[in-house]
Amino acid sequence: MSCLVSKGKLLNCKDQKGGIKSIYFANGTADDFAFVITAHQLTSLGTLDEVFKYEVKATTNTLTETGTSSEDNGTFFVAQALAITLPKLSADLQAQAQLICAGRPSVFVEDYNGNIVLVGAYNGTMSNMTKVTGGASGDLSGFTLAINAEEKDNSPFLDSAMKTALKLLVSDVVVS
């Protein structure tokens, strides 16, 4: 049987920081770009030639992945849920948020620990957008995105070479 637990885990140092630093959108999936994913790592970006970077604040942006197995059906899948807050209302940002929702982009998520993972690797993502003006002076005036995917495995980590390669593909075009 190939699905037997093969390693334990020791208690590590307290050297991690929560939060998402940046999000990178790619207009396609592993099948479109011929990504190479092996042993939970993305080791080649294939033909990917452009991504769009969104810088975000750590406190309101989260990635949660939930693996679900069914003994009756013999299945396992991972639900990936990414919550993003994009402050400051503008027509330009609204247009991009709608394109994210209308498309099925793959999403690279960079955290504050130097990790970058790929959400929606094979199936792309589905998104919902909320536009809010807030009621009180300190409330959000901007957009929230709920980005979801279902994949066979958890989001793969980019190896160090692919992190560098991804950052070289960032478009210079940004919203106002």
N, C-alpha and C. Protein backbone atom coordinates (compact mmCIF):
# COMPACT_ATOMS: atom_id res chain seq x y z
N MET A 1 0.86 -1.18 0.00
CA MET A 1 0.00 0.00 0.00
C MET A 1 0.90 1.24 0.00
N SER A 2 0.64 2.19 -0.88
CA SER A 2 1.50 3.37 -1.03
C SER A 2 1.03 4.58 -0.23
N CYS A 3 -0.05 4.48 0.52
CA CYS A 3 -0.53 5.66 1.25
C CYS A 3 -0.33 5.51 2.76
N LEU A 4 0.79 4.94 3.16
CA LEU A 4 1.12 4.80 4.57
C LEU A 4 1.97 5.98 5.03
N VAL A 5 1.70 6.50 6.23
CA VAL A 5 2.49 7.59 6.79
C VAL A 5 3.94 7.14 6.87
N SER A 6 4.87 8.00 6.43
CA SER A 6 6.27 7.58 6.35
C SER A 6 7.24 8.45 7.15
N LYS A 7 6.76 9.50 7.81
CA LYS A 7 7.65 10.37 8.59
C LYS A 7 6.90 10.97 9.77
N GLY A 8 7.64 11.28 10.84
CA GLY A 8 7.09 12.00 11.99
C GLY A 8 7.47 13.46 11.90
N LYS A 9 7.12 14.26 12.93
CA LYS A 9 7.46 15.69 12.95
C LYS A 9 7.81 16.10 14.37
N LEU A 10 8.91 16.82 14.50
CA LEU A 10 9.33 17.36 15.79
C LEU A 10 8.79 18.77 15.96
N LEU A 11 8.72 19.21 17.22
CA LEU A 11 8.30 20.58 17.50
C LEU A 11 9.43 21.52 17.10
N ASN A 12 9.15 22.45 16.19
CA ASN A 12 10.16 23.37 15.66
C ASN A 12 10.26 24.65 16.48
N CYS A 13 11.22 25.48 16.13
CA CYS A 13 11.36 26.81 16.73
C CYS A 13 10.16 27.67 16.34
N LYS A 14 9.91 28.69 17.12
CA LYS A 14 8.84 29.64 16.82
C LYS A 14 9.40 30.73 15.92
N ASP A 15 9.53 30.41 14.63
CA ASP A 15 10.17 31.33 13.69
C ASP A 15 9.30 31.62 12.46
N GLN A 16 8.01 31.38 12.56
CA GLN A 16 7.10 31.61 11.44
C GLN A 16 6.26 32.86 11.68
N LYS A 17 5.83 33.51 10.61
CA LYS A 17 4.96 34.68 10.68
C LYS A 17 3.77 34.43 9.77
N GLY A 18 2.59 34.62 10.29
CA GLY A 18 1.38 34.44 9.49
C GLY A 18 1.18 35.59 8.51
N GLY A 19 0.37 35.34 7.50
CA GLY A 19 -0.01 36.40 6.58
C GLY A 19 0.49 36.22 5.17
N ILE A 20 -0.25 36.82 4.27
CA ILE A 20 0.06 36.81 2.85
C ILE A 20 0.67 38.14 2.46
N LYS A 21 1.75 38.09 1.72
CA LYS A 21 2.48 39.28 1.29
C LYS A 21 2.04 39.75 -0.10
N SER A 22 1.95 38.80 -1.04
CA SER A 22 1.60 39.14 -2.42
C SER A 22 0.83 37.98 -3.07
N ILE A 23 0.04 38.34 -4.06
CA ILE A 23 -0.71 37.39 -4.87
C ILE A 23 -0.30 37.64 -6.32
N TYR A 24 -0.11 36.56 -7.08
CA TYR A 24 0.25 36.68 -8.50
C TYR A 24 -0.78 35.90 -9.30
N PHE A 25 -1.43 36.56 -10.25
CA PHE A 25 -2.44 35.90 -11.09
C PHE A 25 -1.83 35.52 -12.44
N ALA A 26 -2.10 34.28 -12.87
CA ALA A 26 -1.69 33.79 -14.18
C ALA A 26 -2.94 33.39 -14.95
N ASN A 27 -3.05 33.81 -16.19
CA ASN A 27 -4.25 33.55 -17.00
C ASN A 27 -4.20 32.16 -17.62
N GLY A 28 -4.28 31.13 -16.79
CA GLY A 28 -4.28 29.76 -17.27
C GLY A 28 -3.91 28.80 -16.15
N THR A 29 -3.78 27.52 -16.51
CA THR A 29 -3.50 26.47 -15.53
C THR A 29 -2.29 25.66 -15.96
N ALA A 30 -1.98 24.63 -15.18
CA ALA A 30 -0.85 23.75 -15.46
C ALA A 30 -0.94 23.15 -16.86
N ASP A 31 -2.15 22.83 -17.29
CA ASP A 31 -2.32 22.26 -18.63
C ASP A 31 -2.00 23.28 -19.72
N ASP A 32 -2.35 24.54 -19.49
CA ASP A 32 -2.06 25.58 -20.48
C ASP A 32 -0.57 25.89 -20.59
N PHE A 33 0.14 25.83 -19.46
CA PHE A 33 1.54 26.25 -19.42
C PHE A 33 2.54 25.11 -19.32
N ALA A 34 2.06 23.88 -19.16
CA ALA A 34 2.94 22.71 -18.99
C ALA A 34 3.82 22.83 -17.75
N PHE A 35 3.20 23.28 -16.62
CA PHE A 35 3.91 23.30 -15.35
C PHE A 35 4.37 21.88 -15.03
N VAL A 36 5.47 21.77 -14.32
CA VAL A 36 5.92 20.47 -13.83
C VAL A 36 5.80 20.49 -12.30
N ILE A 37 4.96 19.59 -11.78
CA ILE A 37 4.74 19.48 -10.35
C ILE A 37 5.12 18.06 -9.94
N THR A 38 6.11 17.97 -9.04
CA THR A 38 6.60 16.67 -8.58
C THR A 38 6.81 16.72 -7.08
N ALA A 39 6.29 15.72 -6.37
CA ALA A 39 6.48 15.61 -4.92
C ALA A 39 6.10 16.90 -4.19
N HIS A 40 4.95 17.46 -4.54
CA HIS A 40 4.39 18.66 -3.90
C HIS A 40 5.22 19.93 -4.15
N GLN A 41 6.04 19.93 -5.21
CA GLN A 41 6.80 21.12 -5.58
C GLN A 41 6.62 21.42 -7.06
N LEU A 42 6.47 22.71 -7.37
CA LEU A 42 6.45 23.16 -8.76
C LEU A 42 7.90 23.40 -9.15
N THR A 43 8.39 22.60 -10.10
CA THR A 43 9.80 22.67 -10.48
C THR A 43 10.03 23.27 -11.86
N SER A 44 8.93 23.58 -12.58
CA SER A 44 9.05 24.27 -13.87
C SER A 44 7.78 25.06 -14.14
N LEU A 45 7.97 26.30 -14.56
CA LEU A 45 6.83 27.15 -14.94
C LEU A 45 6.43 26.94 -16.40
N GLY A 46 7.08 26.01 -17.07
CA GLY A 46 6.74 25.71 -18.45
C GLY A 46 6.79 26.95 -19.33
N THR A 47 5.69 27.22 -20.03
CA THR A 47 5.63 28.34 -20.97
C THR A 47 5.03 29.62 -20.38
N LEU A 48 4.79 29.63 -19.07
CA LEU A 48 4.24 30.83 -18.44
C LEU A 48 5.14 32.01 -18.75
N ASP A 49 4.54 33.13 -19.24
CA ASP A 49 5.36 34.27 -19.63
C ASP A 49 4.95 35.59 -18.98
N GLU A 50 3.86 35.58 -18.17
CA GLU A 50 3.45 36.83 -17.52
C GLU A 50 2.52 36.52 -16.35
N VAL A 51 2.75 37.23 -15.24
CA VAL A 51 1.85 37.19 -14.09
C VAL A 51 1.59 38.62 -13.64
N PHE A 52 0.49 38.80 -12.92
CA PHE A 52 0.10 40.12 -12.43
C PHE A 52 0.12 40.10 -10.92
N LYS A 53 0.96 40.96 -10.34
CA LYS A 53 1.20 40.97 -8.90
C LYS A 53 0.26 41.94 -8.20
N TYR A 54 -0.32 41.47 -7.09
CA TYR A 54 -1.15 42.29 -6.22
C TYR A 54 -0.51 42.24 -4.83
N GLU A 55 -0.03 43.38 -4.35
CA GLU A 55 0.49 43.45 -2.99
C GLU A 55 -0.68 43.60 -2.05
N VAL A 56 -0.65 42.87 -0.93
CA VAL A 56 -1.76 42.89 0.03
C VAL A 56 -1.22 43.01 1.45
N LYS A 57 -2.09 43.37 2.38
CA LYS A 57 -1.75 43.43 3.80
C LYS A 57 -2.02 42.07 4.42
N ALA A 58 -1.19 41.68 5.36
CA ALA A 58 -1.27 40.35 5.95
C ALA A 58 -2.55 40.10 6.76
N THR A 59 -3.09 41.11 7.39
CA THR A 59 -4.14 40.89 8.38
C THR A 59 -5.49 40.49 7.83
N THR A 60 -5.80 40.79 6.59
CA THR A 60 -7.14 40.49 6.07
C THR A 60 -7.11 39.49 4.91
N ASN A 61 -6.00 38.83 4.71
CA ASN A 61 -5.86 37.92 3.57
C ASN A 61 -5.41 36.55 4.08
N THR A 62 -6.14 35.51 3.68
CA THR A 62 -5.83 34.18 4.19
C THR A 62 -5.96 33.13 3.10
N LEU A 63 -5.19 32.06 3.26
CA LEU A 63 -5.33 30.87 2.42
C LEU A 63 -5.58 29.70 3.36
N THR A 64 -6.68 28.99 3.12
CA THR A 64 -7.02 27.81 3.90
C THR A 64 -7.26 26.67 2.93
N GLU A 65 -6.62 25.53 3.20
CA GLU A 65 -6.81 24.35 2.37
C GLU A 65 -7.34 23.22 3.24
N THR A 66 -8.40 22.57 2.79
CA THR A 66 -9.03 21.50 3.55
C THR A 66 -9.10 20.25 2.70
N GLY A 67 -8.39 19.22 3.15
CA GLY A 67 -8.42 17.93 2.46
C GLY A 67 -9.58 17.10 2.96
N THR A 68 -10.31 16.48 2.04
CA THR A 68 -11.47 15.67 2.40
C THR A 68 -11.35 14.31 1.75
N SER A 69 -11.50 13.28 2.56
CA SER A 69 -11.47 11.93 2.01
C SER A 69 -12.80 11.24 2.28
N SER A 70 -13.14 10.30 1.43
CA SER A 70 -14.36 9.51 1.59
C SER A 70 -14.01 8.04 1.50
N GLU A 71 -14.22 7.34 2.61
CA GLU A 71 -13.98 5.90 2.63
C GLU A 71 -14.94 5.19 1.68
N ASP A 72 -16.20 5.64 1.68
CA ASP A 72 -17.21 5.00 0.84
C ASP A 72 -16.89 5.13 -0.65
N ASN A 73 -16.43 6.32 -1.05
CA ASN A 73 -16.17 6.56 -2.47
C ASN A 73 -14.72 6.31 -2.87
N GLY A 74 -13.82 6.21 -1.88
CA GLY A 74 -12.40 6.03 -2.17
C GLY A 74 -11.78 7.26 -2.82
N THR A 75 -12.27 8.44 -2.43
CA THR A 75 -11.80 9.68 -3.05
C THR A 75 -11.11 10.59 -2.03
N PHE A 76 -10.30 11.50 -2.53
CA PHE A 76 -9.66 12.54 -1.74
C PHE A 76 -9.53 13.77 -2.63
N PHE A 77 -9.87 14.94 -2.09
CA PHE A 77 -9.66 16.19 -2.81
C PHE A 77 -9.37 17.28 -1.80
N VAL A 78 -8.81 18.39 -2.29
CA VAL A 78 -8.46 19.52 -1.43
C VAL A 78 -9.23 20.75 -1.89
N ALA A 79 -10.01 21.33 -0.97
CA ALA A 79 -10.69 22.59 -1.23
C ALA A 79 -9.75 23.71 -0.82
N GLN A 80 -9.45 24.60 -1.75
CA GLN A 80 -8.55 25.72 -1.51
C GLN A 80 -9.39 26.99 -1.44
N ALA A 81 -9.25 27.75 -0.36
CA ALA A 81 -10.03 28.98 -0.17
C ALA A 81 -9.10 30.14 0.14
N LEU A 82 -9.10 31.12 -0.73
CA LEU A 82 -8.24 32.30 -0.61
C LEU A 82 -9.15 33.52 -0.44
N ALA A 83 -8.96 34.26 0.65
CA ALA A 83 -9.72 35.48 0.91
C ALA A 83 -8.78 36.67 0.73
N ILE A 84 -9.17 37.59 -0.14
CA ILE A 84 -8.32 38.73 -0.48
C ILE A 84 -9.10 40.03 -0.29
N THR A 85 -8.45 41.02 0.31
CA THR A 85 -9.03 42.36 0.45
C THR A 85 -8.19 43.33 -0.37
N LEU A 86 -8.87 44.06 -1.25
CA LEU A 86 -8.20 45.05 -2.10
C LEU A 86 -8.80 46.42 -1.78
N PRO A 87 -8.12 47.20 -0.94
CA PRO A 87 -8.67 48.50 -0.55
C PRO A 87 -8.62 49.53 -1.67
N LYS A 88 -9.47 50.52 -1.55
CA LYS A 88 -9.53 51.69 -2.42
C LYS A 88 -10.34 51.41 -3.68
N LEU A 89 -11.55 51.93 -3.70
CA LEU A 89 -12.43 51.77 -4.86
C LEU A 89 -11.93 52.57 -6.05
N SER A 90 -11.92 51.93 -7.22
CA SER A 90 -11.63 52.63 -8.46
C SER A 90 -12.20 51.82 -9.61
N ALA A 91 -12.49 52.48 -10.70
CA ALA A 91 -13.03 51.80 -11.88
C ALA A 91 -12.02 50.80 -12.44
N ASP A 92 -10.74 51.16 -12.40
CA ASP A 92 -9.67 50.31 -12.91
C ASP A 92 -9.56 49.00 -12.11
N LEU A 93 -9.56 49.11 -10.77
CA LEU A 93 -9.49 47.93 -9.92
C LEU A 93 -10.76 47.09 -10.05
N GLN A 94 -11.90 47.75 -10.15
CA GLN A 94 -13.16 47.03 -10.33
C GLN A 94 -13.13 46.19 -11.61
N ALA A 95 -12.61 46.75 -12.68
CA ALA A 95 -12.53 46.01 -13.95
C ALA A 95 -11.64 44.78 -13.80
N GLN A 96 -10.52 44.90 -13.10
CA GLN A 96 -9.62 43.76 -12.91
C GLN A 96 -10.25 42.70 -12.00
N ALA A 97 -10.93 43.14 -10.94
CA ALA A 97 -11.60 42.20 -10.03
C ALA A 97 -12.66 41.41 -10.78
N GLN A 98 -13.39 42.06 -11.67
CA GLN A 98 -14.40 41.35 -12.47
C GLN A 98 -13.74 40.36 -13.42
N LEU A 99 -12.59 40.70 -13.98
CA LEU A 99 -11.88 39.77 -14.87
C LEU A 99 -11.38 38.55 -14.09
N ILE A 100 -10.91 38.76 -12.86
CA ILE A 100 -10.50 37.64 -12.02
C ILE A 100 -11.68 36.70 -11.80
N CYS A 101 -12.85 37.26 -11.56
CA CYS A 101 -14.05 36.45 -11.33
C CYS A 101 -14.54 35.77 -12.61
N ALA A 102 -14.42 36.43 -13.73
CA ALA A 102 -14.91 35.88 -14.99
C ALA A 102 -14.00 34.79 -15.54
N GLY A 103 -12.71 34.88 -15.23
CA GLY A 103 -11.75 33.89 -15.71
C GLY A 103 -11.58 32.73 -14.75
N ARG A 104 -10.59 31.91 -15.01
CA ARG A 104 -10.23 30.78 -14.15
C ARG A 104 -8.72 30.79 -13.91
N PRO A 105 -8.20 31.91 -13.39
CA PRO A 105 -6.74 32.01 -13.26
C PRO A 105 -6.17 31.05 -12.22
N SER A 106 -4.91 30.72 -12.40
CA SER A 106 -4.13 30.10 -11.33
C SER A 106 -3.60 31.25 -10.50
N VAL A 107 -3.43 31.00 -9.20
CA VAL A 107 -3.02 32.07 -8.30
C VAL A 107 -1.82 31.61 -7.48
N PHE A 108 -0.73 32.36 -7.59
CA PHE A 108 0.45 32.12 -6.77
C PHE A 108 0.32 32.97 -5.51
N VAL A 109 0.51 32.36 -4.34
CA VAL A 109 0.35 33.05 -3.07
C VAL A 109 1.70 33.06 -2.34
N GLU A 110 2.20 34.27 -2.06
CA GLU A 110 3.47 34.43 -1.35
C GLU A 110 3.21 34.84 0.09
N ASP A 111 3.76 34.07 1.03
CA ASP A 111 3.58 34.42 2.44
C ASP A 111 4.82 35.13 3.00
N TYR A 112 4.74 35.51 4.28
CA TYR A 112 5.84 36.24 4.92
C TYR A 112 7.00 35.34 5.34
N ASN A 113 6.90 34.04 5.08
CA ASN A 113 7.98 33.12 5.42
C ASN A 113 8.82 32.77 4.19
N GLY A 114 8.53 33.42 3.06
CA GLY A 114 9.28 33.16 1.85
C GLY A 114 8.71 32.03 1.00
N ASN A 115 7.59 31.45 1.43
CA ASN A 115 6.95 30.40 0.65
C ASN A 115 6.10 31.00 -0.46
N ILE A 116 6.06 30.34 -1.59
CA ILE A 116 5.10 30.65 -2.64
C ILE A 116 4.46 29.34 -3.03
N VAL A 117 3.11 29.31 -3.02
CA VAL A 117 2.36 28.12 -3.41
C VAL A 117 1.43 28.47 -4.56
N LEU A 118 1.00 27.44 -5.29
CA LEU A 118 0.14 27.63 -6.46
C LEU A 118 -1.25 27.09 -6.17
N VAL A 119 -2.24 27.98 -6.15
CA VAL A 119 -3.64 27.63 -5.93
C VAL A 119 -4.33 27.47 -7.28
N GLY A 120 -5.13 26.41 -7.42
CA GLY A 120 -5.84 26.18 -8.68
C GLY A 120 -4.92 25.69 -9.78
N ALA A 121 -3.93 24.91 -9.43
CA ALA A 121 -2.91 24.49 -10.39
C ALA A 121 -3.49 23.86 -11.65
N TYR A 122 -4.35 22.87 -11.49
CA TYR A 122 -4.87 22.14 -12.66
C TYR A 122 -6.27 22.57 -13.08
N ASN A 123 -7.08 22.98 -12.10
CA ASN A 123 -8.48 23.30 -12.41
C ASN A 123 -8.78 24.79 -12.44
N GLY A 124 -7.79 25.62 -12.15
CA GLY A 124 -8.03 27.05 -12.10
C GLY A 124 -8.85 27.41 -10.88
N THR A 125 -9.28 28.64 -10.80
CA THR A 125 -10.03 29.12 -9.63
C THR A 125 -11.38 29.67 -10.04
N MET A 126 -12.27 29.72 -9.08
CA MET A 126 -13.58 30.36 -9.22
C MET A 126 -13.63 31.44 -8.15
N SER A 127 -14.16 32.61 -8.48
CA SER A 127 -14.11 33.74 -7.54
C SER A 127 -15.44 34.44 -7.41
N ASN A 128 -15.63 35.03 -6.24
CA ASN A 128 -16.75 35.93 -5.96
C ASN A 128 -16.16 37.25 -5.50
N MET A 129 -16.80 38.35 -5.88
CA MET A 129 -16.32 39.68 -5.55
C MET A 129 -17.41 40.43 -4.80
N THR A 130 -16.99 41.18 -3.77
CA THR A 130 -17.89 42.07 -3.06
C THR A 130 -17.28 43.46 -3.07
N LYS A 131 -18.09 44.44 -3.42
CA LYS A 131 -17.66 45.85 -3.44
C LYS A 131 -18.32 46.51 -2.23
N VAL A 132 -17.50 47.13 -1.36
CA VAL A 132 -18.04 47.74 -0.15
C VAL A 132 -17.55 49.18 0.00
N THR A 133 -18.41 50.02 0.55
CA THR A 133 -18.02 51.40 0.83
C THR A 133 -17.81 51.63 2.31
N GLY A 134 -18.28 50.71 3.15
CA GLY A 134 -18.14 50.87 4.60
C GLY A 134 -19.12 51.90 5.12
N GLY A 135 -19.34 51.87 6.44
CA GLY A 135 -20.26 52.82 7.06
C GLY A 135 -19.54 53.80 7.95
N ALA A 136 -18.55 53.32 8.69
CA ALA A 136 -17.78 54.18 9.60
C ALA A 136 -16.49 54.62 8.91
N SER A 137 -15.89 55.64 9.45
CA SER A 137 -14.68 56.22 8.85
C SER A 137 -13.56 55.21 8.66
N GLY A 138 -13.44 54.25 9.57
CA GLY A 138 -12.35 53.28 9.48
C GLY A 138 -12.70 52.01 8.73
N ASP A 139 -13.89 51.91 8.16
CA ASP A 139 -14.33 50.71 7.44
C ASP A 139 -13.66 50.60 6.08
N LEU A 140 -13.68 49.39 5.54
CA LEU A 140 -13.12 49.15 4.21
C LEU A 140 -13.92 49.87 3.14
N SER A 141 -13.22 50.54 2.27
CA SER A 141 -13.76 51.07 1.03
C SER A 141 -12.94 50.38 -0.06
N GLY A 142 -13.48 49.30 -0.61
CA GLY A 142 -12.72 48.51 -1.58
C GLY A 142 -13.45 47.25 -1.98
N PHE A 143 -12.67 46.24 -2.32
CA PHE A 143 -13.21 44.99 -2.82
C PHE A 143 -12.70 43.83 -1.99
N THR A 144 -13.54 42.83 -1.80
CA THR A 144 -13.08 41.57 -1.24
C THR A 144 -13.32 40.49 -2.29
N LEU A 145 -12.37 39.57 -2.39
CA LEU A 145 -12.49 38.45 -3.30
C LEU A 145 -12.44 37.16 -2.51
N ALA A 146 -13.35 36.26 -2.80
CA ALA A 146 -13.32 34.90 -2.28
C ALA A 146 -12.94 34.02 -3.46
N ILE A 147 -11.73 33.51 -3.43
CA ILE A 147 -11.18 32.73 -4.54
C ILE A 147 -11.09 31.27 -4.09
N ASN A 148 -11.72 30.37 -4.85
CA ASN A 148 -11.79 28.97 -4.46
C ASN A 148 -11.33 28.07 -5.59
N ALA A 149 -10.80 26.91 -5.19
CA ALA A 149 -10.40 25.89 -6.15
C ALA A 149 -10.58 24.53 -5.49
N GLU A 150 -10.73 23.51 -6.32
CA GLU A 150 -10.71 22.13 -5.86
C GLU A 150 -9.66 21.40 -6.66
N GLU A 151 -8.72 20.79 -5.96
CA GLU A 151 -7.61 20.10 -6.60
C GLU A 151 -7.42 18.72 -6.00
N LYS A 152 -6.67 17.90 -6.68
CA LYS A 152 -6.35 16.55 -6.22
C LYS A 152 -5.40 16.58 -5.02
N ASP A 153 -4.53 17.58 -4.96
CA ASP A 153 -3.52 17.70 -3.91
C ASP A 153 -3.52 19.11 -3.34
N ASN A 154 -2.87 19.27 -2.19
CA ASN A 154 -2.64 20.62 -1.66
C ASN A 154 -1.83 21.44 -2.66
N SER A 155 -1.87 22.76 -2.49
CA SER A 155 -1.14 23.64 -3.40
C SER A 155 0.36 23.33 -3.33
N PRO A 156 0.99 23.13 -4.50
CA PRO A 156 2.42 22.83 -4.50
C PRO A 156 3.25 24.07 -4.18
N PHE A 157 4.38 23.84 -3.51
CA PHE A 157 5.34 24.90 -3.21
C PHE A 157 6.24 25.11 -4.43
N LEU A 158 6.62 26.35 -4.68
CA LEU A 158 7.61 26.63 -5.72
C LEU A 158 8.99 26.41 -5.13
N ASP A 159 9.85 25.72 -5.87
CA ASP A 159 11.23 25.58 -5.40
C ASP A 159 11.93 26.92 -5.58
N SER A 160 13.14 27.05 -5.05
CA SER A 160 13.81 28.36 -5.03
C SER A 160 14.02 28.93 -6.43
N ALA A 161 14.35 28.08 -7.40
CA ALA A 161 14.56 28.57 -8.77
C ALA A 161 13.26 29.10 -9.36
N MET A 162 12.13 28.44 -9.06
CA MET A 162 10.85 28.88 -9.61
C MET A 162 10.34 30.15 -8.94
N LYS A 163 10.68 30.37 -7.67
CA LYS A 163 10.32 31.63 -7.01
C LYS A 163 11.01 32.79 -7.73
N THR A 164 12.28 32.61 -8.03
CA THR A 164 13.04 33.64 -8.75
C THR A 164 12.47 33.84 -10.15
N ALA A 165 12.19 32.74 -10.85
CA ALA A 165 11.66 32.81 -12.21
C ALA A 165 10.30 33.50 -12.23
N LEU A 166 9.43 33.19 -11.25
CA LEU A 166 8.10 33.81 -11.19
C LEU A 166 8.21 35.32 -11.07
N LYS A 167 9.08 35.79 -10.21
CA LYS A 167 9.20 37.22 -9.98
C LYS A 167 9.74 37.96 -11.20
N LEU A 168 10.44 37.26 -12.07
CA LEU A 168 10.91 37.87 -13.33
C LEU A 168 9.79 38.02 -14.36
N LEU A 169 8.66 37.34 -14.12
CA LEU A 169 7.53 37.38 -15.07
C LEU A 169 6.47 38.40 -14.70
N VAL A 170 6.70 39.18 -13.63
CA VAL A 170 5.70 40.15 -13.18
C VAL A 170 5.55 41.28 -14.19
N SER A 171 4.31 41.51 -14.60
CA SER A 171 3.98 42.58 -15.54
C SER A 171 4.21 43.95 -14.90
N ASP A 172 4.61 44.91 -15.70
CA ASP A 172 4.77 46.29 -15.24
C ASP A 172 3.45 47.05 -15.18
N VAL A 173 2.40 46.46 -15.75
CA VAL A 173 1.09 47.11 -15.81
C VAL A 173 0.36 46.92 -14.48
N VAL A 174 -0.01 48.02 -13.82
CA VAL A 174 -0.71 47.96 -12.54
C VAL A 174 -1.94 48.87 -12.58
N VAL A 175 -2.91 48.59 -11.67
CA VAL A 175 -4.08 49.44 -11.58
C VAL A 175 -3.76 50.70 -10.80
N SER A 176 -4.55 51.74 -11.00
CA SER A 176 -4.31 53.01 -10.31
C SER A 176 -4.78 52.96 -8.88
